[in-house]
Protein backbone atom coordinates (compact mmCIF):
# COMPACT_ATOMS: atom_id res chain seq x y z
CA MET A 1 -22.37 55.44 -9.30
CA SER A 2 -19.98 56.43 -6.52
CA THR A 3 -16.33 55.36 -6.48
CA ALA A 4 -16.91 53.15 -3.42
CA ALA A 5 -19.88 51.36 -5.01
CA LEU A 6 -17.95 50.84 -8.27
CA ALA A 7 -14.96 49.40 -6.40
CA ALA A 8 -17.23 47.01 -4.51
CA LEU A 9 -18.90 45.94 -7.76
CA VAL A 10 -15.56 45.34 -9.48
CA MET A 11 -14.30 43.23 -6.58
CA VAL A 12 -17.44 41.11 -6.15
CA VAL A 13 -17.95 40.52 -9.89
CA GLY A 14 -14.24 39.81 -10.30
CA ILE A 15 -14.27 37.16 -7.57
CA VAL A 16 -17.39 35.48 -8.97
CA VAL A 17 -16.09 35.45 -12.55
CA THR A 18 -12.57 34.27 -11.73
CA LEU A 19 -13.85 31.50 -9.46
CA SER A 20 -16.32 30.36 -12.12
CA ILE A 21 -13.52 29.94 -14.68
CA GLY A 22 -11.37 27.95 -12.30
CA PHE A 23 -9.03 30.42 -10.57
CA PRO A 24 -7.67 29.29 -7.18
CA ILE A 25 -9.47 31.14 -4.37
CA GLY A 26 -6.34 33.05 -3.30
CA LEU A 27 -5.55 34.28 -6.80
CA SER A 28 -9.20 35.16 -7.35
CA ILE A 29 -9.37 37.32 -4.23
CA GLY A 30 -5.98 38.94 -4.89
CA THR A 31 -6.55 39.95 -8.53
CA SER A 32 -10.11 41.14 -7.96
CA SER A 33 -9.14 43.20 -4.92
CA ALA A 34 -6.18 44.75 -6.73
CA ALA A 35 -8.46 45.67 -9.64
CA ALA A 36 -10.89 47.29 -7.20
CA ILE A 37 -8.11 49.40 -5.67
CA MET A 38 -7.24 50.69 -9.16
CA VAL A 39 -10.78 52.07 -9.38
CA ILE A 40 -10.11 54.06 -6.21
CA LEU A 41 -6.48 55.15 -6.68
CA PRO A 42 -4.11 55.88 -9.58
CA PHE A 43 -2.25 52.80 -10.82
CA GLN A 44 1.06 53.44 -9.03
CA GLN A 45 -0.57 54.28 -5.71
CA ALA A 46 -2.92 51.32 -6.10
CA MET A 47 0.00 48.89 -6.52
CA ILE A 48 1.85 50.39 -3.55
CA THR A 49 -1.28 50.14 -1.39
CA ALA A 50 -1.88 46.53 -2.46
CA ALA A 51 1.74 45.62 -1.67
CA GLN A 52 1.55 47.32 1.72
CA ARG A 53 -1.67 45.49 2.60
CA PHE A 54 -0.16 42.20 1.40
CA PHE A 55 2.79 42.67 3.76
CA THR A 56 0.56 43.84 6.62
CA GLY A 57 -1.51 40.66 6.33
CA ALA A 58 1.55 38.47 6.90
CA ASN A 59 3.19 40.70 9.48
CA SER A 60 1.64 39.06 12.54
CA PHE A 61 3.45 37.28 15.35
CA SER A 62 0.36 35.14 16.06
CA LEU A 63 0.37 33.75 12.51
CA LEU A 64 3.82 32.27 13.13
CA ALA A 65 2.08 29.58 15.15
CA ILE A 66 0.48 28.13 12.02
CA PRO A 67 3.63 26.84 10.25
CA PHE A 68 4.93 25.38 13.51
CA PHE A 69 1.68 23.54 14.30
CA VAL A 70 1.49 22.29 10.70
CA LEU A 71 5.08 21.03 10.95
CA ALA A 72 4.39 19.40 14.35
CA GLY A 73 1.38 17.61 12.88
CA ASN A 74 3.37 16.29 9.93
CA ILE A 75 6.16 15.09 12.22
CA MET A 76 3.66 13.27 14.43
CA ASN A 77 1.99 11.73 11.41
CA ASN A 78 5.30 10.22 10.34
CA GLY A 79 6.93 9.63 13.71
CA GLY A 80 4.89 6.84 15.26
CA ILE A 81 2.97 9.13 17.59
CA ALA A 82 -0.33 8.45 15.78
CA LYS A 83 -0.06 4.69 16.43
CA ARG A 84 0.42 5.22 20.15
CA LEU A 85 -2.52 7.61 20.32
CA ILE A 86 -4.66 4.95 18.65
CA GLY A 87 -3.64 2.52 21.39
CA CYS A 88 -4.82 4.99 24.05
CA ALA A 89 -8.02 5.66 22.12
CA ARG A 90 -8.83 1.96 21.96
CA LEU A 91 -8.53 1.71 25.72
CA VAL A 92 -11.38 4.23 25.94
CA ALA A 93 -13.58 2.73 23.21
CA HIS A 94 -12.88 -1.03 23.22
CA ARG A 95 -16.11 -2.03 25.00
CA LEU A 96 -18.43 0.02 22.75
CA PRO A 97 -20.33 -1.37 19.73
CA GLY A 98 -18.14 -1.00 16.67
CA ASP A 99 -15.07 -0.60 18.84
CA LEU A 100 -12.67 0.04 15.95
CA ALA A 101 -14.87 2.79 14.53
CA GLN A 102 -15.28 4.27 18.02
CA THR A 103 -11.49 4.12 18.40
CA ASN A 104 -11.19 6.10 15.16
CA ILE A 105 -13.34 8.90 16.59
CA VAL A 106 -11.47 9.11 19.91
CA ALA A 107 -8.12 8.94 18.08
CA ASN A 108 -9.15 11.78 15.75
CA MET A 109 -10.00 13.88 18.81
CA LEU A 110 -6.66 13.09 20.48
CA PHE A 111 -4.58 13.62 17.35
CA GLY A 112 -6.43 16.85 16.60
CA ALA A 113 -5.76 18.00 20.17
CA ILE A 114 -2.06 17.70 19.38
CA SER A 115 -1.74 18.62 15.70
CA GLY A 116 -4.65 21.05 15.20
CA SER A 117 -5.37 19.60 11.75
CA GLY A 118 -8.50 17.69 10.79
CA VAL A 119 -7.02 16.53 7.48
CA ALA A 120 -3.88 15.21 9.20
CA ALA A 121 -5.98 13.40 11.82
CA ALA A 122 -8.31 11.77 9.28
CA SER A 123 -5.39 10.79 7.05
CA ALA A 124 -3.32 9.30 9.87
CA MET A 125 -6.14 7.44 11.59
CA GLY A 126 -7.79 6.26 8.40
CA SER A 127 -4.58 4.79 7.03
CA ILE A 128 -3.89 2.84 10.24
CA LEU A 129 -7.39 1.82 11.34
CA GLY A 130 -8.92 1.34 7.87
CA PRO A 131 -7.15 -1.99 7.16
CA MET A 132 -7.93 -3.20 10.69
CA GLU A 133 -11.62 -2.41 10.23
CA LYS A 134 -11.64 -4.18 6.87
CA GLU A 135 -10.26 -7.34 8.49
CA GLU A 136 -13.04 -7.18 11.11
CA GLY A 137 -15.70 -7.06 8.40
CA TYR A 138 -16.56 -3.34 8.52
CA SER A 139 -17.78 -1.93 5.22
CA ARG A 140 -15.42 0.57 3.60
CA GLU A 141 -18.20 3.15 3.32
CA PHE A 142 -19.01 2.93 7.03
CA SER A 143 -15.34 3.15 8.08
CA ALA A 144 -14.68 6.11 5.80
CA ALA A 145 -17.85 7.94 6.90
CA VAL A 146 -16.97 7.62 10.60
CA ASN A 147 -13.40 8.80 9.96
CA ILE A 148 -14.55 11.78 7.86
CA ALA A 149 -17.36 12.83 10.21
CA SER A 150 -15.07 12.91 13.25
CA GLY A 151 -12.08 14.49 11.47
CA PRO A 152 -13.12 18.13 12.08
CA THR A 153 -12.93 17.64 15.86
CA GLY A 154 -9.21 18.27 15.35
CA MET A 155 -10.04 21.79 14.18
CA MET A 156 -12.22 22.48 17.22
CA ILE A 157 -10.13 21.00 20.03
CA PRO A 158 -7.00 23.10 20.60
CA PRO A 159 -4.56 23.88 19.21
CA SER A 160 -6.46 25.05 16.12
CA ASN A 161 -4.94 26.91 13.18
CA ILE A 162 -8.28 28.34 12.07
CA MET A 163 -8.83 29.83 15.53
CA ILE A 164 -5.46 31.56 15.24
CA VAL A 165 -6.58 33.09 11.93
CA TYR A 166 -9.87 34.21 13.50
CA SER A 167 -8.02 35.76 16.44
CA THR A 168 -5.87 37.77 14.03
CA VAL A 169 -8.84 39.07 12.03
CA ALA A 170 -11.14 39.75 14.99
CA GLY A 171 -8.62 41.96 16.75
CA SER A 172 -8.09 41.73 20.48
CA VAL A 173 -9.45 38.19 20.94
CA SER A 174 -7.31 35.98 23.14
CA ILE A 175 -5.99 32.86 21.42
CA ALA A 176 -5.89 31.13 24.79
CA ALA A 177 -9.58 31.96 25.34
CA LEU A 178 -10.48 30.61 21.90
CA PHE A 179 -8.49 27.45 22.54
CA MET A 180 -10.25 26.81 25.84
CA ALA A 181 -13.64 27.60 24.31
CA GLY A 182 -13.11 24.89 21.71
CA TYR A 183 -12.93 21.96 24.11
CA VAL A 184 -16.63 21.45 24.91
CA PRO A 185 -17.93 22.00 21.33
CA GLY A 186 -15.20 19.73 19.94
CA ILE A 187 -15.90 16.99 22.47
CA LEU A 188 -19.67 17.32 21.91
CA TRP A 189 -19.08 16.84 18.16
CA GLY A 190 -17.02 13.71 18.87
CA VAL A 191 -19.44 12.27 21.44
CA GLY A 192 -22.38 12.85 19.07
CA CYS A 193 -20.53 10.90 16.38
CA MET A 194 -19.77 8.13 18.89
CA VAL A 195 -23.43 7.75 19.90
CA LEU A 196 -24.56 7.56 16.27
CA THR A 197 -21.71 5.20 15.38
CA GLY A 198 -22.68 2.91 18.26
CA ILE A 199 -26.29 2.72 17.03
CA MET A 200 -25.24 2.08 13.43
CA ALA A 201 -22.61 -0.48 14.47
CA TYR A 202 -25.11 -2.34 16.66
CA LYS A 203 -27.56 -2.60 13.77
CA ARG A 204 -24.81 -3.85 11.46
CA GLY A 205 -23.50 -6.38 13.94
CA TYR A 206 -20.13 -4.68 14.52
CA ILE A 207 -19.64 -5.71 18.13
CA SER A 208 -16.78 -5.01 20.54
CA HIS A 209 -14.05 -7.58 21.07
CA GLY A 210 -13.42 -7.78 24.81
CA GLY A 211 -11.12 -5.93 27.10
CA TYR A 212 -7.52 -5.65 28.18
CA SER A 213 -5.73 -7.08 31.13
CA ILE A 214 -4.36 -4.60 33.64
CA LYS A 215 -0.85 -5.32 32.41
CA GLU A 216 -1.79 -4.67 28.77
CA ALA A 217 -3.64 -1.47 29.65
CA LEU A 218 -0.72 -0.14 31.69
CA LYS A 219 1.71 -0.94 28.87
CA ILE A 220 -0.43 0.95 26.34
CA LEU A 221 -0.76 3.92 28.66
CA TRP A 222 2.97 3.95 29.34
CA GLU A 223 3.74 3.96 25.61
CA GLY A 224 1.16 6.66 24.86
CA LEU A 225 1.83 8.90 27.86
CA PRO A 226 4.74 10.86 26.30
CA SER A 227 2.52 11.69 23.30
CA LEU A 228 -0.39 12.75 25.51
CA LEU A 229 1.94 14.92 27.60
CA LEU A 230 2.36 17.20 24.59
CA ILE A 231 -1.22 18.41 25.12
CA VAL A 232 -0.46 19.23 28.77
CA ILE A 233 2.83 20.95 27.96
CA VAL A 234 1.58 23.15 25.11
CA ILE A 235 -1.90 24.07 26.37
CA GLY A 236 -0.78 24.22 30.01
CA GLY A 237 2.15 26.48 29.15
CA ILE A 238 -0.10 28.86 27.21
CA LEU A 239 -2.65 29.04 30.03
CA LYS A 240 -0.03 29.57 32.73
CA GLY A 241 1.58 32.35 30.71
CA VAL A 242 4.89 30.50 30.48
CA PHE A 243 4.87 31.07 26.72
CA THR A 244 2.60 32.41 24.00
CA ALA A 245 0.67 30.27 21.50
CA THR A 246 3.37 30.97 18.91
CA GLU A 247 6.15 29.90 21.26
CA GLY A 248 4.06 26.88 22.27
CA SER A 249 3.82 25.82 18.62
CA ALA A 250 7.62 25.87 18.34
CA ILE A 251 7.88 23.78 21.51
CA ALA A 252 5.41 21.31 19.97
CA VAL A 253 7.74 20.90 16.97
CA VAL A 254 10.81 20.25 19.14
CA TYR A 255 8.95 17.87 21.46
CA SER A 256 7.36 15.85 18.63
CA LEU A 257 10.68 15.70 16.77
CA VAL A 258 12.59 14.40 19.81
CA LEU A 259 9.80 11.93 20.61
CA SER A 260 9.74 10.61 17.04
CA PHE A 261 13.50 10.01 17.11
CA ILE A 262 13.16 8.24 20.47
CA TYR A 263 10.44 6.00 19.00
CA ARG A 264 12.81 5.38 16.03
CA ASN A 265 9.99 5.89 13.54
CA LEU A 266 11.57 9.00 12.01
CA LYS A 267 14.89 9.30 10.23
CA ILE A 268 16.92 12.33 9.22
CA LYS A 269 16.34 11.52 5.55
CA ASP A 270 12.56 11.88 6.11
CA LEU A 271 12.82 15.50 7.26
CA PRO A 272 13.21 17.23 3.85
CA LYS A 273 9.90 15.81 2.60
CA ILE A 274 8.14 16.65 5.88
CA LEU A 275 9.49 20.21 5.75
CA LEU A 276 8.48 20.61 2.10
CA ASP A 277 4.93 19.37 2.77
CA SER A 278 4.67 21.75 5.72
CA VAL A 279 5.92 24.68 3.64
CA LYS A 280 3.34 23.97 0.92
CA THR A 281 0.46 23.88 3.42
CA THR A 282 1.68 27.00 5.23
CA ALA A 283 2.21 28.92 1.98
CA VAL A 284 -1.42 28.39 0.97
CA VAL A 285 -2.73 29.66 4.32
CA GLU A 286 -0.37 32.65 4.48
CA PHE A 287 -1.10 33.67 0.88
CA LEU A 288 -4.84 33.62 1.62
CA VAL A 289 -4.28 35.81 4.68
CA CYS A 290 -2.22 38.28 2.64
CA VAL A 291 -4.65 38.69 -0.26
CA SER A 292 -7.58 38.86 2.14
CA SER A 293 -5.88 41.84 3.77
CA ILE A 294 -6.07 43.63 0.42
CA MET A 295 -9.74 42.69 0.14
CA SER A 296 -10.48 43.93 3.66
CA TRP A 297 -9.08 47.37 2.68
CA VAL A 298 -11.47 47.55 -0.27
CA MET A 299 -14.37 46.35 1.88
CA SER A 300 -13.59 49.00 4.47
CA PHE A 301 -13.37 51.76 1.86
CA ALA A 302 -16.62 50.66 0.17
CA LYS A 303 -18.31 50.20 3.57
CA ILE A 304 -19.47 46.70 2.55
CA PRO A 305 -19.70 45.37 6.14
CA GLN A 306 -21.86 48.34 7.15
CA MET A 307 -24.17 47.84 4.17
CA ILE A 308 -24.65 44.13 4.91
CA SER A 309 -25.14 44.87 8.60
CA SER A 310 -27.80 47.48 7.84
CA ALA A 311 -29.57 45.10 5.45
CA MET A 312 -29.63 42.26 7.98
CA LEU A 313 -30.74 44.49 10.86
CA GLY A 314 -33.39 45.96 8.58
CA PHE A 315 -34.67 42.46 7.82
CA SER A 316 -34.90 41.54 11.51
CA SER A 317 -33.64 42.79 14.83
CA ASN A 318 -34.22 39.43 16.55
CA PRO A 319 -30.83 37.92 17.53
CA ILE A 320 -32.17 34.36 17.13
CA VAL A 321 -33.28 35.03 13.55
CA LEU A 322 -30.00 36.78 12.70
CA LEU A 323 -27.91 33.94 14.16
CA LEU A 324 -29.90 31.40 12.16
CA ILE A 325 -29.28 33.44 9.00
CA MET A 326 -25.56 33.66 9.77
CA ASN A 327 -25.40 29.92 10.40
CA LEU A 328 -27.12 29.22 7.11
CA VAL A 329 -24.82 31.59 5.20
CA LEU A 330 -21.69 30.13 6.77
CA LEU A 331 -22.84 26.55 6.15
CA VAL A 332 -23.45 27.31 2.48
CA VAL A 333 -20.19 29.24 2.13
CA GLY A 334 -18.29 26.41 3.79
CA THR A 335 -19.38 23.97 1.09
CA PHE A 336 -17.40 25.77 -1.60
CA MET A 337 -14.79 27.80 0.31
CA ASP A 338 -11.98 26.73 2.63
CA PRO A 339 -12.32 27.86 6.27
CA THR A 340 -9.38 30.30 6.15
CA PRO A 341 -10.68 32.66 3.42
CA ALA A 342 -14.21 32.34 4.79
CA VAL A 343 -13.05 33.50 8.24
CA LEU A 344 -11.09 36.35 6.67
CA ILE A 345 -14.07 37.51 4.60
CA PHE A 346 -17.01 37.08 6.97
CA THR A 347 -15.53 37.95 10.36
CA PRO A 348 -15.44 41.72 9.69
CA ILE A 349 -18.99 41.49 8.29
CA PHE A 350 -20.74 39.45 10.99
CA LEU A 351 -18.74 40.19 14.14
CA PRO A 352 -19.88 43.85 14.51
CA ILE A 353 -23.50 42.72 14.15
CA VAL A 354 -23.36 40.14 16.96
CA GLN A 355 -21.34 42.48 19.16
CA SER A 356 -24.09 45.10 18.79
CA TRP A 357 -26.35 42.96 20.99
CA GLY A 358 -23.56 41.85 23.33
CA MET A 359 -22.50 38.46 21.98
CA ASN A 360 -18.91 37.71 23.01
CA ALA A 361 -16.34 37.55 20.20
CA VAL A 362 -15.05 34.22 21.56
CA HIS A 363 -18.52 32.67 21.46
CA PHE A 364 -19.08 33.93 17.93
CA GLY A 365 -15.66 32.67 16.88
CA LEU A 366 -16.53 29.13 17.98
CA MET A 367 -19.85 29.33 16.16
CA MET A 368 -18.13 30.49 12.98
CA VAL A 369 -15.33 27.92 13.15
CA MET A 370 -17.80 25.10 13.80
CA ASN A 371 -19.94 26.14 10.81
CA LEU A 372 -16.93 26.18 8.51
CA CYS A 373 -15.69 22.86 9.88
CA VAL A 374 -18.89 21.30 8.52
CA GLY A 375 -17.81 22.47 5.07
CA THR A 376 -14.64 20.39 5.28
CA ILE A 377 -16.73 17.18 5.16
CA THR A 378 -19.16 18.27 2.43
CA PRO A 379 -18.75 18.44 -1.35
CA PRO A 380 -17.60 20.05 -3.55
CA VAL A 381 -14.40 21.23 -1.80
CA GLY A 382 -14.36 19.39 1.55
CA ALA A 383 -10.70 18.74 2.28
CA ILE A 384 -11.38 16.11 4.97
CA LEU A 385 -14.02 14.47 2.75
CA PHE A 386 -11.51 14.07 -0.10
CA ALA A 387 -8.71 12.89 2.19
CA GLY A 388 -10.97 10.38 3.95
CA CYS A 389 -12.30 8.96 0.68
CA LYS A 390 -8.80 8.65 -0.74
CA ILE A 391 -7.45 6.93 2.38
CA GLY A 392 -10.54 4.67 2.60
CA ASN A 393 -10.41 3.86 -1.12
CA VAL A 394 -14.07 4.74 -1.67
CA LYS A 395 -15.89 7.12 -3.98
CA ILE A 396 -17.46 10.29 -2.62
CA GLU A 397 -20.94 9.31 -3.81
CA GLN A 398 -20.66 6.05 -1.84
CA VAL A 399 -19.83 7.89 1.39
CA ILE A 400 -22.26 10.84 1.18
CA ARG A 401 -25.34 8.72 1.88
CA MET A 402 -23.64 7.21 4.93
CA LEU A 403 -22.65 10.70 6.12
CA LEU A 404 -26.20 12.14 6.12
CA PRO A 405 -27.06 10.97 9.69
CA PHE A 406 -23.75 12.42 10.89
CA PHE A 407 -24.60 15.77 9.29
CA ALA A 408 -27.84 15.80 11.30
CA VAL A 409 -25.95 15.16 14.55
CA VAL A 410 -23.39 17.86 13.76
CA VAL A 411 -26.05 20.46 12.90
CA VAL A 412 -27.87 19.78 16.19
CA THR A 413 -24.55 20.21 18.03
CA LEU A 414 -23.91 23.43 16.09
CA LEU A 415 -27.28 24.87 17.14
CA MET A 416 -26.54 23.97 20.75
CA VAL A 417 -23.20 25.79 20.59
CA THR A 418 -24.85 28.78 18.88
CA PHE A 419 -27.68 29.30 21.37
CA ILE A 420 -26.22 27.90 24.61
CA ALA A 421 -23.32 30.26 25.30
CA PRO A 422 -21.91 28.43 28.38
CA LEU A 423 -20.98 25.45 26.19
CA SER A 424 -18.16 27.52 24.71
CA MET A 425 -17.77 30.24 27.33
CA ALA A 426 -17.76 28.29 30.62
CA ILE A 427 -14.13 27.13 30.55
CA PRO A 428 -12.48 30.40 29.40
CA THR A 429 -14.65 32.34 31.87
CA ALA A 430 -13.74 30.02 34.75
CA LEU A 431 -10.06 30.43 33.89
CA GLY A 432 -10.37 34.22 33.82
CA LEU A 433 -9.57 34.47 30.12
CA VAL A 434 -12.70 36.49 29.33
CA GLY A 435 -14.77 38.91 31.35
C-alpha cells in the first residue's frame, strides 16, 4: 500500500472510530488528521506541519466577520431588536390564516437577515411568539414545527456565516456575490413554509385576527425602522464597496449595540455574558476551520478529491445525475454533521466536479449551503431542531411528525435552486458581482 493510500485510510478510519465513541467533531478531525500526517512525515516534521496548517486555517481576514456577526446577533437577541422586528413581521402576516405562526416565519427571515444565525432567530422568535400562540390556542407542536422549519432562512438570507466559510474554502468566490445569491432561495424557503402553514392553520381553525389602523401601522413601522435599516447599511455598504463584509460585521456590532442602549433593553452588566456566549460560539467555528485545514492537507496529499471525482464521473457523466447524488450525500451528511465541517470537507471534493461542466461556484455554494441547512432541522444533531424544541417545551418525537410536510416543501425548493440557476444567480449577475 502506498504512503498516500495509508494516510487516507488512517484519517478516514480515525474519524469514523473517534466519532463512534463520542469524540466532538473538531477533536475527531484534528487527531485523525494529525495521525495521518505522521504516516507521511517524521514525527517532528508532522507536528510542525500540523501546527502550520492549524494557523493557516485561522489566518483569514474574511473569517473575522464570523465573530462580529455572532456578537451582533447576540446583542440583538438581548437588546429589544427582536421584539420590534416581530411587530414589523406581523404587519406583513396579520391577515393570513394562522397569523401568529405566519408572523414567526417572516420574523425569522428578518432576524436572520440581520444576525445571520438560524439558531438565534428560532430561539428569539420562539421565546417571544410561543407564549402568544399558546394563548391563541395553537398547539405547541404546531408552533414549534413552524418556528423550526423557518429557522434556517436566517442562514440563507445574508449575512450568513456559513457562506463566509464556504467563500474561504472555495477560493476566489466573492462574499458579496454569495450574499446576494442567497436572497431568492432564502425567501423561497420562507414563502414555501408560509403557504404550507396557511393550509395547516386553515384546517386547524387558526384564523387571523383583523388588521391595524393606519396610526398603529405607522407606529410599528417607526419603531422597527431603525432595526430594519441595519440590513440596508450592512448589505448596501458591502455592495457599494464602502466596506468589506468583515468591516460590515463590525459596523453591525456597533449599530446594534447603540440601538439596544437607545431602546434601553440592554445594560452594561449584560455585556460580559453576551461576549462570553459569542466567544464560545466563535471558538467552535474557528477550531473546526483550523483542524479542517490540517485535514485538507492530508486529502490533497492523498489525492482523495481526485479519487472521488474519478469515481463519480466514472459512474455517470450526466450533470443531472451527479447533482442528484451530491444533493443526496449532502442531505445525509447534514443529518449528523454541522454545516461548517461539512462545507470544509466536501467543498474541495465536489466543487472541482461541478466546475468541470461549467457550474458557477456561487450557484454550487448556494446549493451546498441549502442542503446543509436542512440538516439543522433534522435529528440527530440538528441545532435549530434542538433549540426550537427546547424553546417550545416539546419533545423532538412530537415535532418530527409535524415537520414532515415542511421537509417535503424544503426539498422541492432545494431541487428548484439546484436545477434553475437564475434563482440564485440572477441578482449577483445583475449587480455585476459575477460574470
